[in-house]
Protein backbone atom coordinates (compact mmCIF):
# COMPACT_ATOMS: atom_id res chain seq x y z
CA UNK A 1 0.30 0.03 0.19
CA UNK A 2 1.68 3.23 -1.20
CA UNK A 3 -0.57 5.79 -1.54
CA UNK A 4 -4.47 6.25 -0.24
CA UNK A 5 -6.88 8.71 -1.63
CA UNK A 6 -9.98 10.17 -0.81
CA UNK A 7 -12.26 12.85 -1.78
CA UNK A 8 -13.68 15.98 1.00
CA UNK A 9 -16.86 16.97 -0.13
CA UNK A 10 -18.44 21.04 0.16
CA UNK A 11 -19.99 20.82 2.96
CA UNK A 12 -23.70 22.87 2.22
CA UNK A 13 -25.96 24.24 5.37
CA UNK A 14 -29.95 24.18 3.66
CA UNK A 15 -30.51 26.07 6.60
CA UNK A 16 -29.04 27.03 9.78
CA UNK A 17 -30.73 28.28 12.56
CA UNK A 18 -29.68 29.76 15.73
CA UNK A 19 -31.72 28.54 18.19
CA UNK A 20 -28.97 29.76 21.59
CA UNK A 21 -26.05 30.02 23.32
CA UNK A 22 -24.67 28.39 26.02
CA UNK A 23 -22.55 30.43 29.34
CA UNK A 24 -19.14 29.07 27.58
CA UNK A 25 -20.65 31.29 24.66
CA UNK A 26 -21.55 28.39 21.75
CA UNK A 27 -24.27 28.62 19.98
CA UNK A 28 -27.24 26.59 19.74
CA UNK A 29 -28.17 25.65 15.95
CA UNK A 30 -30.39 23.95 14.21
CA UNK A 31 -29.30 23.11 10.30
CA UNK A 32 -30.42 21.17 8.16
CA UNK A 33 -26.78 19.74 5.64
CA UNK A 34 -26.12 17.95 2.84
CA UNK A 35 -22.53 17.84 0.11
CA UNK A 36 -21.66 18.55 -2.81
CA UNK A 37 -20.03 16.78 -5.83
CA UNK A 38 -17.57 19.20 -5.33
CA UNK A 39 -14.61 20.03 -3.55
CA UNK A 40 -10.57 18.82 -2.24
CA UNK A 41 -9.05 15.80 -2.53
CA UNK A 42 -6.18 14.47 -0.53
CA UNK A 43 -3.77 11.52 0.03
CA UNK A 44 -1.98 9.86 2.31
CA UNK A 45 1.86 7.32 1.52
CA UNK A 46 3.13 5.73 4.51
CA UNK A 47 5.84 8.02 6.42
CA UNK A 48 7.79 8.22 9.75
CA UNK A 49 6.53 12.25 10.58
CA UNK A 50 3.18 12.91 10.03
CA UNK A 51 3.75 16.16 7.69
CA UNK A 52 0.95 18.59 5.05
CA UNK A 53 1.85 19.39 1.85
CA UNK A 54 -0.83 21.94 -0.44
CA UNK A 55 -0.84 21.69 -3.94
CA UNK A 56 -4.49 22.88 -6.47
CA UNK A 57 -5.76 26.33 -7.59
CA UNK A 58 -6.81 27.48 -4.04
CA UNK A 59 -4.29 26.30 -2.61
CA UNK A 60 -2.97 30.13 -2.04
CA UNK A 61 -2.34 30.96 2.05
CA UNK A 62 -3.68 27.60 2.96
CA UNK A 63 -1.20 26.83 5.45
CA UNK A 64 1.08 23.62 6.03
CA UNK A 65 2.45 23.40 9.27
CA UNK A 66 0.91 22.45 12.54
CA UNK A 67 -2.50 25.43 12.79
CA UNK A 68 -3.87 23.44 9.69
CA UNK A 69 -7.20 21.28 10.55
CA UNK A 70 -5.96 18.12 8.59
CA UNK A 71 -2.46 17.93 10.31
CA UNK A 72 -4.13 18.29 14.13
CA UNK A 73 -7.48 16.04 13.16
CA UNK A 74 -4.21 13.33 12.49
CA UNK A 75 -2.64 14.05 15.50
CA UNK A 76 -5.52 14.10 17.36
CA UNK A 77 -6.23 10.58 16.01
CA UNK A 78 -2.41 9.42 16.69
CA UNK A 79 -2.95 10.30 20.23
CA UNK A 80 -6.19 8.64 20.90
CA UNK A 81 -5.16 4.93 19.38
CA UNK A 82 -1.43 5.11 20.23
CA UNK A 83 -0.15 5.46 16.42
CA UNK A 84 3.22 5.84 16.56
CA UNK A 85 3.33 5.97 12.78
CA UNK A 86 4.05 9.22 10.78
CA UNK A 87 2.23 9.62 7.65
CA UNK A 88 2.87 12.29 4.44
CA UNK A 89 0.04 13.82 4.15
CA UNK A 90 -1.15 16.32 0.98
CA UNK A 91 -4.23 18.37 0.20
CA UNK A 92 -5.32 19.20 -3.00
CA UNK A 93 -7.41 22.38 -2.57
CA UNK A 94 -9.65 23.21 -5.06
CA UNK A 95 -12.65 25.02 -2.72
CA UNK A 96 -11.71 28.77 -1.15
CA UNK A 97 -10.74 28.84 2.35
CA UNK A 98 -12.76 30.99 4.72
CA UNK A 99 -16.26 30.24 2.55
CA UNK A 100 -18.70 28.59 4.25
CA UNK A 101 -19.02 25.09 2.71
CA UNK A 102 -16.88 23.52 5.12
CA UNK A 103 -13.78 23.09 3.89
CA UNK A 104 -11.29 22.92 6.40
CA UNK A 105 -13.73 20.22 8.45
CA UNK A 106 -14.49 18.27 5.46
CA UNK A 107 -10.99 18.14 4.63
CA UNK A 108 -10.44 17.34 8.47
CA UNK A 109 -12.47 14.21 8.35
CA UNK A 110 -11.24 12.97 4.73
CA UNK A 111 -7.53 12.97 6.04
CA UNK A 112 -9.13 10.83 9.50
CA UNK A 113 -10.96 8.50 6.58
CA UNK A 114 -7.90 8.27 4.37
CA UNK A 115 -5.48 7.46 7.94
CA UNK A 116 -7.71 5.09 9.43
CA UNK A 117 -6.74 3.18 6.50
CA UNK A 118 -3.57 3.97 6.21
CA UNK A 119 -3.46 3.02 10.04
CA UNK A 120 -5.31 -0.35 10.43
CA UNK A 121 -8.04 1.30 12.33
CA UNK A 122 -11.41 0.18 12.05
CA UNK A 123 -13.51 1.85 13.31
CA UNK A 124 -12.36 5.42 14.05
CA UNK A 125 -13.16 6.91 16.98
CA UNK A 126 -17.15 8.20 17.62
CA UNK A 127 -17.95 11.77 15.24
CA UNK A 128 -18.15 13.48 18.30
CA UNK A 129 -14.48 12.34 19.82
CA UNK A 130 -13.82 14.91 17.28
CA UNK A 131 -14.89 17.38 18.55
CA UNK A 132 -12.48 19.56 19.71
CA UNK A 133 -11.01 20.17 16.37
CA UNK A 134 -14.89 22.17 15.95
CA UNK A 135 -18.28 21.95 15.01
CA UNK A 136 -17.82 20.97 11.63
CA UNK A 137 -15.68 18.26 11.53
CA UNK A 138 -17.85 15.30 13.29
CA UNK A 139 -20.89 15.84 10.87
CA UNK A 140 -18.52 15.90 8.17
CA UNK A 141 -16.77 12.63 8.69
CA UNK A 142 -20.43 10.72 6.82
CA UNK A 143 -20.55 13.11 4.02
CA UNK A 144 -24.44 12.12 3.58
CA UNK A 145 -27.59 14.67 4.58
CA UNK A 146 -28.14 15.46 8.20
CA UNK A 147 -30.07 17.33 10.86
CA UNK A 148 -27.01 18.96 13.37
CA UNK A 149 -28.20 19.75 16.43
CA UNK A 150 -26.50 21.29 19.70
CA UNK A 151 -23.57 22.68 19.37
CA UNK A 152 -22.90 20.34 16.44
CA UNK A 153 -22.77 17.13 18.39
CA UNK A 154 -26.51 15.97 17.79
CA UNK A 155 -26.01 14.04 14.18
CA UNK A 156 -29.50 12.97 12.66
CA UNK A 157 -29.15 11.18 9.25
CA UNK A 158 -31.99 12.23 6.96
CA UNK A 159 -33.57 11.65 3.81
CA UNK A 160 -33.53 14.44 1.24
CA UNK A 161 -34.48 13.90 -2.72
CA UNK A 162 -31.47 15.07 -4.79
CA UNK A 163 -30.66 18.55 -5.53
CA UNK A 164 -29.46 20.54 -8.44
CA UNK A 165 -27.72 23.44 -7.05
CA UNK A 166 -24.85 26.34 -8.31
CA UNK A 167 -22.32 27.37 -6.11
CA UNK A 168 -20.93 30.52 -5.88
CA UNK A 169 -18.26 32.23 -3.92
CA UNK A 170 -17.64 36.46 -5.10
CA UNK A 171 -14.11 35.71 -3.84
CA UNK A 172 -14.46 37.58 -0.26
CA UNK A 173 -13.92 36.01 2.85
CA UNK A 174 -16.14 36.83 6.19
CA UNK A 175 -14.51 35.93 9.39
CA UNK A 176 -17.41 32.83 11.02
CA UNK A 177 -16.81 35.00 14.80
CA UNK A 178 -17.37 38.24 13.35
CA UNK A 179 -20.84 37.03 11.34
CA UNK A 180 -21.99 35.60 15.30
CA UNK A 181 -21.43 38.78 16.73
CA UNK A 182 -22.96 40.81 14.48
CA UNK A 183 -26.17 38.72 15.14
CA UNK A 184 -29.07 40.73 16.44
CA UNK A 185 -31.16 37.81 18.19
CA UNK A 186 -29.14 34.43 19.72
CA UNK A 187 -32.59 32.77 20.79
CA UNK A 188 -34.28 31.77 16.93
CA UNK A 189 -37.31 29.23 16.28
CA UNK A 190 -35.59 25.81 15.55
CA UNK A 191 -36.85 23.99 12.42
CA UNK A 192 -40.17 21.42 12.50
CA UNK A 193 -39.56 18.64 15.12
CA UNK A 194 -40.37 16.55 11.97
CA UNK A 195 -39.24 16.41 8.45
CA UNK A 196 -41.97 15.97 5.93
CA UNK A 197 -41.43 12.97 3.79
CA UNK A 198 -40.24 15.06 0.21
CA UNK A 199 -42.01 13.20 -2.83
CA UNK A 200 -38.83 15.11 -5.20
CA UNK A 201 -36.68 18.18 -4.90
CA UNK A 202 -39.80 21.07 -5.94
CA UNK A 203 -41.73 19.81 -2.57
CA UNK A 204 -38.20 19.83 -0.83
CA UNK A 205 -36.92 22.94 -2.03
CA UNK A 206 -40.76 24.73 -1.56
CA UNK A 207 -40.33 23.19 1.99
CA UNK A 208 -36.57 24.95 2.33
CA UNK A 209 -37.73 28.15 1.61
CA UNK A 210 -39.85 28.20 4.58
CA UNK A 211 -36.89 28.00 6.84
CA UNK A 212 -33.34 29.98 7.76
CA UNK A 213 -30.35 30.85 7.26
CA UNK A 214 -30.06 33.28 10.57
CA UNK A 215 -26.37 33.97 9.83
CA UNK A 216 -27.59 35.51 6.09
CA UNK A 217 -28.58 38.88 7.59
CA UNK A 218 -25.38 39.72 9.75
CA UNK A 219 -22.81 38.45 6.99
CA UNK A 220 -24.82 41.08 4.27
CA UNK A 221 -24.28 43.64 6.91
CA UNK A 222 -20.65 42.93 6.80
CA UNK A 223 -20.30 42.37 3.04
CA UNK A 224 -22.70 43.84 0.72
CA UNK A 225 -22.15 42.17 -1.70
CA UNK A 226 -23.95 38.84 -0.72
CA UNK A 227 -27.10 40.48 -0.58
CA UNK A 228 -26.30 41.04 -4.63
CA UNK A 229 -25.58 37.65 -5.37
CA UNK A 230 -28.07 36.22 -3.55
CA UNK A 231 -30.56 38.77 -5.95
CA UNK A 232 -28.56 37.86 -8.98
CA UNK A 233 -29.33 33.89 -8.09
CA UNK A 234 -32.51 33.80 -7.37
CA UNK A 235 -33.24 36.46 -10.66
CA UNK A 236 -31.73 33.05 -12.34
CA UNK A 237 -33.80 31.20 -15.68
CA UNK A 238 -34.95 28.10 -13.46
CA UNK A 239 -33.53 29.17 -10.10
CA UNK A 240 -36.15 28.23 -7.18
CA UNK A 241 -34.20 29.31 -3.95
CA UNK A 242 -31.10 31.37 -2.79
CA UNK A 243 -29.39 31.28 0.11
CA UNK A 244 -25.95 31.29 2.06
CA UNK A 245 -24.73 28.64 2.91
CA UNK A 246 -23.03 28.43 6.77
CA UNK A 247 -21.29 32.29 7.79
CA UNK A 248 -20.70 33.03 3.49
CA UNK A 249 -19.38 34.32 2.04
CA UNK A 250 -20.68 31.28 -0.49
CA UNK A 251 -24.37 31.04 -1.80
CA UNK A 252 -26.20 28.34 -3.36
CA UNK A 253 -29.02 28.80 -5.69
CA UNK A 254 -31.18 25.44 -5.78
CA UNK A 255 -32.84 24.31 -9.02
CA UNK A 256 -35.23 21.06 -9.97
CA UNK A 257 -33.21 19.75 -12.91
CA UNK A 258 -29.46 19.63 -13.40
CA UNK A 259 -29.68 20.80 -16.70
CA UNK A 260 -31.03 24.20 -15.43
CA UNK A 261 -28.43 24.43 -12.30
CA UNK A 262 -25.55 24.06 -14.94
CA UNK A 263 -27.17 26.60 -17.48
CA UNK A 264 -26.73 28.77 -14.92
CA UNK A 265 -23.19 27.90 -14.03
CA UNK A 266 -22.14 28.42 -17.91
CA UNK A 267 -23.97 31.49 -17.50
CA UNK A 268 -22.15 32.94 -14.86
CA UNK A 269 -18.88 31.50 -15.80
CA UNK A 270 -18.63 33.74 -18.80
CA UNK A 271 -20.13 36.91 -16.36
CA UNK A 272 -18.08 36.86 -13.37
CA UNK A 273 -14.98 35.07 -14.19
CA UNK A 274 -13.19 35.80 -11.08
CA UNK A 275 -15.53 34.48 -9.05
CA UNK A 276 -15.44 30.33 -7.47
CA UNK A 277 -18.40 28.69 -9.79
CA UNK A 278 -19.42 25.25 -9.50
CA UNK A 279 -22.43 23.49 -9.88
CA UNK A 280 -23.85 19.31 -9.24
CA UNK A 281 -26.27 17.52 -7.58
CA UNK A 282 -26.28 17.86 -3.54
CA UNK A 283 -27.05 14.51 -1.74
CA UNK A 284 -25.41 11.46 -0.36
CA UNK A 285 -21.13 11.74 -1.32
CA UNK A 286 -20.54 8.57 0.71
CA UNK A 287 -19.33 6.60 -2.61
CA UNK A 288 -17.41 9.42 -4.32
CA UNK A 289 -15.42 10.31 -0.27
CA UNK A 290 -14.29 5.85 -0.12
CA UNK A 291 -10.35 6.31 0.35
CA UNK A 292 -8.96 4.06 -2.88
CA UNK A 293 -5.46 2.81 -2.85
CA UNK A 294 -3.15 3.41 -5.57
CA UNK A 295 -0.05 1.57 -5.81
């Protein structure tokens, strides 16, 4: 086994309701999360020590030292499992950093899946074991649609229809702590107790439209271009819903067909060639994220 490769899909918050704040400052969330068929790629190979190299079109500014969540995850796993071996980790960065689609957290989760294969660990410790790495890492370990509660430790898989989508980042970074500080109300209603059984994408999108991302308004206050982007997405032919993901600034537009989503992507690429733009069908990315051995 010389190298193991894997995929780290972008995480999309279809909804994000901030329902409270604990005494320790952590915010309570009720969020519907799914995953995109676009993302970063990682590989691991045997080595005496843990190391990280970063390549790819979005590599600029991504650290390769211990501040990177990938190395932090690797060291935490080695510590928990008393592993005395290392690994050479390579991250091909294709998702923009600090963009509200969980790139760093998904990278860390993918590294954990790959290292588990490399080091012969089966199964991994429970997702909640990796909560010290941040709220998004546990939910990214299994890239399936799920409802996330608490501070990210309550994970419940849900059934959603495939959702064709356009993803756009206008090349601005919005700091998550600043967005939470700008949030006017920290106590907002959660989603309904149970999700409907959706007959298809259109029915699901109609339901999502009645939900919220509570961080969208404060993010717009900090970066007004997000409001402009949402208006442009909402005006696209066939767009059924435009919303921001996470704390921004990446936004998504949902469509009923992949053809409509790709046509919208082509239009945006022609109009905004400097922006990060991707399209695909949101949903279960487990198969695509499976580690694969390479000679």
